[in-house]
Amino acid sequence: MWNLLRLIQKIVRARDLLFYIKKIRDLFFYQSANVSPPIRLQIEPVSYCILKCEFCVLSQIKREHKLMPFDGIKKIINESGAKWIQLSGIGETFIHPDIIKIMRYIKSQGKILKITSNGILMGEDICRGIVDAGVDYIDISIDTTNKELYRKIRGVEMDKVLQNARYLYDYRNTKKSKLIISAKHVYNDENIKDLPQDVENLVNMTFDEVFFSWIMDVYEGSSSSSLKKEYLPIIRNAINKARNLNRLDMVKSLKLLIENYYLYTTEINDKVCYDPVYAPYVTVDGDLTVCCKSGMWILQDKKNLEAHKMGNVLEEHFMDVWNSKTAIGLRKNVLDNRKNFGMCRSCVYDQPKLFKSIYNIASKYIYRVDN
């Protein structure tokens, strides 16, 4: 419930009340041919990165270097009607030469804007551009506070990232901006043992919030998480440290790590995902897919892309793709046939109980789905 309330607080504005009423309707009529625009839209502006992190899919595959043109991003923003835009994907956002212009344009359209970055390219000009454009949220991927491990994982020095984060933090405060700067830590077998120490170290760094997650185990053939039971005491130790340091943001995020472990023991039929109704993902090529988690899955095989994409929003009008027969079929598959559908069979994601209650009503009384 806390995460639902936190999300509402972040994205719901009084002027958009009618829009959100329509989205509540969409939750019930998810198979409709007239679904209103998405709430959140993630756009991948860049297909590549300057780093080769050990656990990143880009270190395992060869991907053509591409940039989504400014006019393409502008087209998607204008046509989609989404209220929340996130610039990130399987690539480094700040490689894009037009990134400052892109940020300014998105904010000029009254959108809430979030960006995810590894922080390496966030020099002073970029940091000023972020603040001056009015960006609302930025996540900087750190993954560890151990400098040697950081160098091993990412192949560069952590000090550069921390220096950039410090400049952004100071410039933000000078300008009295409302930008929220977050550290994003993704854990796996290699760095999980450092988690309690990371909690202590992060308190003294220039981040307003910290988000902890486990590496996404979404790949073809996966059926279980690599988050092992033996790691739960480490996470609980970290929770106690965060609580003693009065960092409730860390406590809540760490609790989600434990929740993710137990979600893998939940029957897939008991999980609900409305992402294809309100939070799709656009690849650098303009392919609109069911959710942000599909980013890695579709890179593994072209057939995965074809199975999960609604259409191409650079070639067609966004809303035509969004309400196409293909899009309707994908929403039906994700919600009504998850245990047999693509990457959803392996995905741990689950919605809060309120969404489950809505789906139970819709599937039973509106669409009469036989589960």
Protein backbone atom coordinates (compact mmCIF):
# COMPACT_ATOMS: atom_id res chain seq x y z
CA MET A 1 0.00 0.00 0.00
CA TRP A 2 2.87 2.38 0.81
CA ASN A 3 4.30 2.00 -2.70
CA LEU A 4 0.91 2.70 -4.26
CA LEU A 5 0.47 5.85 -2.16
CA ARG A 6 4.02 6.96 -2.97
CA LEU A 7 3.37 6.50 -6.68
CA ILE A 8 0.12 8.48 -6.47
CA GLN A 9 1.89 11.27 -4.61
CA LYS A 10 4.56 11.47 -7.31
CA ILE A 11 2.42 11.46 -10.43
CA VAL A 12 -1.10 12.66 -9.61
CA ARG A 13 -1.71 16.37 -10.08
CA ALA A 14 -5.07 18.10 -9.59
CA ARG A 15 -5.17 19.33 -13.20
CA ASP A 16 -4.95 15.72 -14.41
CA LEU A 17 -7.84 14.41 -12.30
CA LEU A 18 -10.11 13.61 -15.29
CA PHE A 19 -7.24 11.79 -16.97
CA TYR A 20 -6.78 9.51 -13.95
CA ILE A 21 -10.51 8.84 -13.69
CA LYS A 22 -10.35 7.56 -17.26
CA LYS A 23 -7.37 5.37 -16.38
CA ILE A 24 -9.32 3.82 -13.51
CA ARG A 25 -11.97 2.95 -16.09
CA ASP A 26 -9.25 1.35 -18.24
CA LEU A 27 -8.29 -0.97 -15.39
CA PHE A 28 -11.76 -2.46 -15.56
CA PHE A 29 -12.09 -2.36 -19.37
CA TYR A 30 -8.54 -3.44 -20.20
CA GLN A 31 -9.63 -5.22 -23.39
CA SER A 32 -11.26 -2.06 -24.74
CA ALA A 33 -10.38 -0.69 -28.19
CA ASN A 34 -10.45 2.81 -26.70
CA VAL A 35 -7.91 2.76 -23.87
CA SER A 36 -6.86 6.27 -22.82
CA PRO A 37 -3.19 7.33 -23.07
CA PRO A 38 -0.63 5.70 -20.74
CA ILE A 39 0.19 7.31 -17.43
CA ARG A 40 3.90 6.57 -17.64
CA LEU A 41 5.94 6.11 -20.79
CA GLN A 42 9.56 4.97 -20.81
CA ILE A 43 11.53 5.97 -23.91
CA GLU A 44 14.92 4.55 -24.82
CA PRO A 45 16.85 7.44 -26.44
CA VAL A 46 20.18 5.58 -26.84
CA SER A 47 20.95 1.93 -27.64
CA TYR A 48 24.50 1.77 -26.30
CA CYS A 49 26.72 2.73 -23.38
CA ILE A 50 30.31 3.82 -22.78
CA LEU A 51 30.66 1.17 -20.05
CA LYS A 52 30.66 -2.62 -20.23
CA CYS A 53 29.31 -3.57 -16.82
CA GLU A 54 29.69 -7.25 -16.00
CA PHE A 55 26.01 -7.91 -15.29
CA CYS A 56 24.54 -5.76 -18.09
CA VAL A 57 22.99 -7.38 -21.16
CA LEU A 58 25.15 -5.09 -23.33
CA SER A 59 28.25 -6.95 -22.14
CA GLN A 60 26.78 -10.16 -23.53
CA ILE A 61 25.39 -9.11 -26.91
CA LYS A 62 26.38 -6.93 -29.85
CA ARG A 63 23.92 -4.13 -30.48
CA GLU A 64 23.99 -1.51 -33.21
CA HIS A 65 24.74 2.00 -31.96
CA LYS A 66 21.61 4.09 -32.45
CA LEU A 67 20.08 7.33 -31.23
CA MET A 68 16.38 8.16 -31.34
CA PRO A 69 16.22 11.50 -33.18
CA PHE A 70 14.90 14.55 -31.34
CA ASP A 71 12.00 14.85 -33.80
CA GLY A 72 11.08 11.22 -33.09
CA ILE A 73 11.03 11.79 -29.34
CA LYS A 74 9.03 14.98 -29.88
CA LYS A 75 6.49 13.08 -32.00
CA ILE A 76 6.03 10.43 -29.32
CA ILE A 77 5.64 13.03 -26.55
CA ASN A 78 3.07 14.98 -28.56
CA GLU A 79 1.00 11.96 -29.59
CA SER A 80 1.14 9.74 -26.51
CA GLY A 81 -0.56 11.99 -23.97
CA ALA A 82 1.48 10.36 -21.18
CA LYS A 83 1.86 12.42 -18.02
CA TRP A 84 5.11 10.85 -16.80
CA ILE A 85 8.09 10.37 -19.11
CA GLN A 86 11.14 8.32 -18.21
CA LEU A 87 14.26 8.55 -20.38
CA SER A 88 16.20 5.33 -19.96
CA GLY A 89 16.69 1.93 -21.50
CA ILE A 90 19.47 -0.47 -22.42
CA GLY A 91 21.88 2.39 -23.04
CA GLU A 92 23.25 5.58 -21.45
CA THR A 93 20.84 8.49 -21.82
CA PHE A 94 23.44 11.27 -21.62
CA ILE A 95 25.30 10.02 -24.69
CA HIS A 96 22.56 11.67 -26.76
CA PRO A 97 23.92 14.92 -28.23
CA ASP A 98 20.47 16.59 -28.02
CA ILE A 99 19.71 15.50 -24.46
CA ILE A 100 19.47 19.02 -23.02
CA LYS A 101 17.09 20.06 -25.82
CA ILE A 102 15.07 16.87 -25.25
CA MET A 103 14.78 17.52 -21.51
CA ARG A 104 13.70 21.11 -22.08
CA TYR A 105 11.08 20.11 -24.62
CA ILE A 106 9.55 17.41 -22.40
CA LYS A 107 9.29 19.80 -19.47
CA SER A 108 7.85 22.55 -21.72
CA GLN A 109 4.95 20.17 -22.38
CA GLY A 110 4.13 19.95 -18.68
CA LYS A 111 5.35 16.38 -18.22
CA ILE A 112 6.88 14.84 -15.12
CA LEU A 113 10.37 13.75 -16.21
CA LYS A 114 12.64 11.08 -14.76
CA ILE A 115 16.05 10.07 -16.09
CA THR A 116 18.27 7.09 -15.27
CA SER A 117 22.02 7.31 -15.82
CA ASN A 118 25.31 5.73 -14.79
CA GLY A 119 26.50 9.26 -13.93
CA ILE A 120 29.80 9.10 -15.84
CA LEU A 121 28.87 11.72 -18.45
CA MET A 122 27.13 14.06 -16.02
CA GLY A 123 29.67 16.85 -16.19
CA GLU A 124 28.91 20.40 -15.08
CA ASP A 125 27.14 21.38 -18.33
CA ILE A 126 24.86 18.34 -18.16
CA CYS A 127 24.14 18.88 -14.45
CA ARG A 128 23.18 22.49 -15.06
CA GLY A 129 21.04 21.38 -17.99
CA ILE A 130 19.21 18.86 -15.79
CA VAL A 131 18.38 21.43 -13.13
CA ASP A 132 17.64 24.33 -15.48
CA ALA A 133 15.34 22.20 -17.63
CA GLY A 134 13.29 21.35 -14.55
CA VAL A 135 13.84 17.58 -14.48
CA ASP A 136 11.88 16.07 -11.59
CA TYR A 137 13.80 12.87 -10.79
CA ILE A 138 17.16 11.39 -11.63
CA ASP A 139 18.41 7.93 -10.68
CA ILE A 140 22.17 7.43 -10.70
CA SER A 141 23.21 3.78 -10.88
CA ILE A 142 25.93 3.07 -8.32
CA ASP A 143 25.42 -0.60 -7.35
CA THR A 144 28.15 -0.58 -4.70
CA THR A 145 30.01 1.85 -2.43
CA ASN A 146 33.10 -0.36 -2.54
CA LYS A 147 35.48 1.47 -4.88
CA GLU A 148 37.45 -1.61 -5.85
CA LEU A 149 34.33 -3.61 -6.63
CA TYR A 150 32.89 -0.66 -8.55
CA ARG A 151 36.06 -0.55 -10.69
CA LYS A 152 35.81 -4.31 -11.27
CA ILE A 153 32.11 -4.20 -12.23
CA ARG A 154 32.13 -1.05 -14.33
CA GLY A 155 35.74 -0.60 -15.38
CA VAL A 156 35.91 3.06 -14.26
CA GLU A 157 36.50 4.98 -11.04
CA MET A 158 33.61 5.67 -8.69
CA ASP A 159 35.07 9.03 -7.61
CA LYS A 160 34.10 10.58 -10.96
CA VAL A 161 30.45 9.62 -10.49
CA LEU A 162 30.37 10.85 -6.90
CA GLN A 163 31.99 14.12 -7.98
CA ASN A 164 29.30 14.60 -10.64
CA ALA A 165 26.55 13.75 -8.15
CA ARG A 166 27.99 16.27 -5.69
CA TYR A 167 28.00 19.04 -8.31
CA LEU A 168 24.40 18.23 -9.29
CA TYR A 169 23.36 18.24 -5.63
CA ASP A 170 25.04 21.59 -4.92
CA TYR A 171 23.75 23.25 -8.11
CA ARG A 172 20.26 21.92 -7.38
CA ASN A 173 20.36 23.51 -3.92
CA THR A 174 21.74 26.78 -5.26
CA LYS A 175 18.86 27.02 -7.75
CA LYS A 176 16.33 25.83 -5.13
CA SER A 177 15.19 23.17 -7.55
CA LYS A 178 12.79 20.40 -6.51
CA LEU A 179 14.86 17.76 -8.34
CA ILE A 180 15.04 14.46 -6.43
CA ILE A 181 18.45 12.76 -6.78
CA SER A 182 18.45 9.02 -6.09
CA ALA A 183 21.09 6.32 -5.97
CA LYS A 184 20.06 3.09 -7.67
CA HIS A 185 21.70 -0.11 -6.44
CA VAL A 186 21.21 -3.37 -8.32
CA TYR A 187 22.45 -6.42 -6.42
CA ASN A 188 23.58 -9.87 -7.46
CA ASP A 189 25.79 -12.63 -6.06
CA GLU A 190 28.89 -10.46 -6.34
CA ASN A 191 27.86 -7.40 -4.34
CA ILE A 192 25.05 -8.53 -2.02
CA LYS A 193 27.40 -9.18 0.91
CA ASP A 194 28.36 -5.48 0.92
CA LEU A 195 24.74 -4.35 1.32
CA PRO A 196 24.85 -3.47 5.07
CA GLN A 197 28.04 -1.45 4.56
CA ASP A 198 26.49 0.25 1.51
CA VAL A 199 23.62 1.44 3.71
CA GLU A 200 26.07 3.08 6.13
CA ASN A 201 28.14 4.66 3.35
CA LEU A 202 25.18 5.99 1.35
CA VAL A 203 23.97 8.07 4.27
CA ASN A 204 27.02 10.32 3.82
CA MET A 205 26.60 10.71 0.06
CA THR A 206 24.65 13.35 -1.86
CA PHE A 207 21.50 11.37 -2.59
CA ASP A 208 18.00 12.21 -1.40
CA GLU A 209 16.75 8.65 -1.78
CA VAL A 210 18.18 5.20 -2.38
CA PHE A 211 16.54 2.41 -4.33
CA PHE A 212 17.72 -1.19 -3.87
CA SER A 213 16.76 -3.98 -6.26
CA TRP A 214 17.85 -7.45 -7.29
CA ILE A 215 19.14 -8.02 -10.80
CA MET A 216 16.28 -8.79 -13.17
CA ASP A 217 16.00 -12.54 -13.72
CA VAL A 218 13.97 -12.07 -16.89
CA TYR A 219 15.49 -14.18 -19.61
CA GLU A 220 14.29 -16.97 -21.81
CA GLY A 221 13.91 -20.19 -19.88
CA SER A 222 14.27 -18.66 -16.42
CA SER A 223 11.87 -19.94 -13.78
CA SER A 224 13.40 -18.84 -10.50
CA SER A 225 15.25 -15.92 -8.97
CA SER A 226 18.97 -15.93 -8.28
CA LEU A 227 18.14 -14.17 -5.00
CA LYS A 228 18.94 -16.96 -2.57
CA LYS A 229 17.42 -17.64 0.84
CA GLU A 230 20.88 -17.35 2.41
CA TYR A 231 20.92 -13.65 1.46
CA LEU A 232 17.82 -12.79 3.49
CA PRO A 233 19.75 -12.33 6.79
CA ILE A 234 22.09 -9.90 5.00
CA ILE A 235 19.11 -7.87 3.81
CA ARG A 236 17.51 -7.90 7.28
CA ASN A 237 20.80 -6.70 8.77
CA ALA A 238 20.79 -3.85 6.26
CA ILE A 239 17.18 -3.01 7.20
CA ASN A 240 18.17 -2.71 10.87
CA LYS A 241 21.06 -0.41 9.97
CA ALA A 242 18.82 1.77 7.80
CA ARG A 243 16.22 1.97 10.56
CA ASN A 244 18.86 2.98 13.11
CA LEU A 245 20.05 5.67 10.70
CA ASN A 246 16.47 6.92 10.35
CA ARG A 247 16.47 6.29 6.58
CA LEU A 248 12.95 5.08 5.99
CA ASP A 249 13.39 5.29 2.22
CA MET A 250 16.08 2.62 2.48
CA VAL A 251 14.01 0.51 4.86
CA LYS A 252 11.05 0.42 2.47
CA SER A 253 13.23 -0.37 -0.54
CA LEU A 254 15.07 -3.15 1.31
CA LYS A 255 11.77 -4.69 2.37
CA LEU A 256 10.88 -4.92 -1.31
CA LEU A 257 14.01 -7.02 -1.86
CA ILE A 258 12.73 -9.57 0.64
CA GLU A 259 9.26 -9.36 -0.88
CA ASN A 260 10.72 -10.18 -4.30
CA TYR A 261 12.24 -13.37 -2.91
CA TYR A 262 8.88 -14.59 -1.68
CA LEU A 263 7.06 -13.50 -4.83
CA TYR A 264 8.81 -16.31 -6.69
CA THR A 265 6.96 -18.78 -4.49
CA THR A 266 3.61 -17.26 -5.49
CA GLU A 267 1.65 -18.96 -8.24
CA ILE A 268 1.81 -16.97 -11.46
CA ASN A 269 -2.00 -17.02 -11.65
CA ASP A 270 -2.14 -14.97 -8.45
CA LYS A 271 -0.02 -12.15 -9.91
CA VAL A 272 -1.46 -9.19 -11.78
CA CYS A 273 0.30 -6.74 -14.11
CA TYR A 274 -1.37 -3.67 -15.62
CA ASP A 275 1.78 -2.24 -17.19
CA PRO A 276 0.45 -2.73 -20.77
CA VAL A 277 -2.50 -0.52 -19.77
CA TYR A 278 -0.59 2.38 -18.21
CA ALA A 279 3.23 1.98 -18.44
CA PRO A 280 4.61 0.76 -21.80
CA TYR A 281 8.16 1.02 -23.17
CA VAL A 282 9.46 2.45 -26.45
CA THR A 283 12.71 1.10 -27.88
CA VAL A 284 15.25 3.29 -29.65
CA ASP A 285 13.73 2.06 -32.95
CA GLY A 286 10.26 3.21 -31.93
CA ASP A 287 8.80 -0.22 -31.12
CA LEU A 288 6.13 0.09 -28.43
CA THR A 289 6.32 -2.91 -26.07
CA VAL A 290 4.28 -4.05 -23.09
CA CYS A 291 6.55 -2.78 -20.29
CA CYS A 292 10.02 -1.56 -19.32
CA LYS A 293 11.03 -5.07 -18.26
CA SER A 294 10.70 -6.21 -21.87
CA GLY A 295 13.81 -4.17 -22.78
CA MET A 296 16.26 -6.99 -22.04
CA TRP A 297 13.98 -9.83 -23.15
CA ILE A 298 13.45 -8.47 -26.67
CA LEU A 299 17.19 -8.10 -27.24
CA GLN A 300 17.75 -11.83 -26.83
CA ASP A 301 15.87 -12.85 -29.96
CA LYS A 302 13.93 -11.05 -32.71
CA LYS A 303 10.98 -13.35 -32.14
CA ASN A 304 10.72 -11.98 -28.61
CA LEU A 305 10.36 -8.46 -30.00
CA GLU A 306 7.66 -9.54 -32.43
CA ALA A 307 5.78 -11.33 -29.64
CA HIS A 308 5.78 -8.34 -27.27
CA LYS A 309 5.47 -5.24 -29.45
CA MET A 310 2.24 -3.38 -30.15
CA GLY A 311 3.61 -1.62 -33.21
CA ASN A 312 6.02 1.15 -34.18
CA VAL A 313 5.20 4.65 -32.90
CA LEU A 314 7.77 6.38 -35.11
CA GLU A 315 6.08 4.97 -38.20
CA GLU A 316 2.47 5.30 -37.04
CA HIS A 317 0.50 7.61 -34.73
CA PHE A 318 1.06 6.58 -31.12
CA MET A 319 -2.64 6.23 -30.28
CA ASP A 320 -3.29 4.12 -33.39
CA VAL A 321 -0.67 1.66 -32.16
CA TRP A 322 -1.82 1.94 -28.54
CA ASN A 323 -5.36 0.90 -29.44
CA SER A 324 -4.55 -1.51 -32.24
CA LYS A 325 -5.81 -5.11 -32.32
CA THR A 326 -2.25 -6.20 -31.53
CA ALA A 327 -2.14 -4.01 -28.41
CA ILE A 328 -5.52 -5.30 -27.22
CA GLY A 329 -4.32 -8.87 -27.70
CA LEU A 330 -1.14 -8.21 -25.73
CA ARG A 331 -3.06 -6.72 -22.79
CA LYS A 332 -5.33 -9.73 -22.80
CA ASN A 333 -2.32 -12.09 -22.83
CA VAL A 334 -0.50 -10.31 -20.01
CA LEU A 335 -3.55 -10.08 -17.77
CA ASP A 336 -5.52 -13.21 -18.66
CA ASN A 337 -2.88 -15.66 -19.87
CA ARG A 338 0.26 -14.69 -18.00
CA LYS A 339 1.37 -18.18 -17.10
CA ASN A 340 1.66 -19.07 -20.80
CA PHE A 341 2.83 -15.77 -22.25
CA GLY A 342 6.40 -14.83 -23.18
CA MET A 343 8.55 -13.20 -20.57
CA CYS A 344 5.58 -12.82 -18.22
CA ARG A 345 5.98 -16.47 -17.26
CA SER A 346 9.30 -15.58 -15.61
CA CYS A 347 8.59 -12.10 -14.30
CA VAL A 348 8.30 -11.60 -10.53
CA TYR A 349 6.37 -8.33 -10.87
CA ASP A 350 3.05 -8.10 -9.05
CA GLN A 351 0.62 -5.24 -8.42
CA PRO A 352 -0.81 -4.07 -5.07
CA LYS A 353 -3.96 -5.71 -3.73
CA LEU A 354 -6.20 -2.88 -4.97
CA PHE A 355 -5.24 -3.60 -8.58
CA LYS A 356 -5.81 -7.31 -8.00
CA SER A 357 -9.30 -6.61 -6.68
CA ILE A 358 -10.09 -4.53 -9.75
CA TYR A 359 -8.81 -7.24 -12.06
CA ASN A 360 -10.80 -9.92 -10.25
CA ILE A 361 -13.99 -7.91 -10.77
CA ALA A 362 -13.19 -7.13 -14.42
CA SER A 363 -12.13 -10.64 -15.38
CA LYS A 364 -15.05 -12.30 -13.60
CA TYR A 365 -17.96 -10.00 -14.36
CA ILE A 366 -16.96 -8.02 -17.48
CA TYR A 367 -14.86 -10.42 -19.55
CA ARG A 368 -15.76 -13.70 -17.81
CA VAL A 369 -12.22 -15.04 -18.02
CA ASP A 370 -11.85 -18.69 -17.12
CA ASN A 371 -8.67 -18.88 -15.01
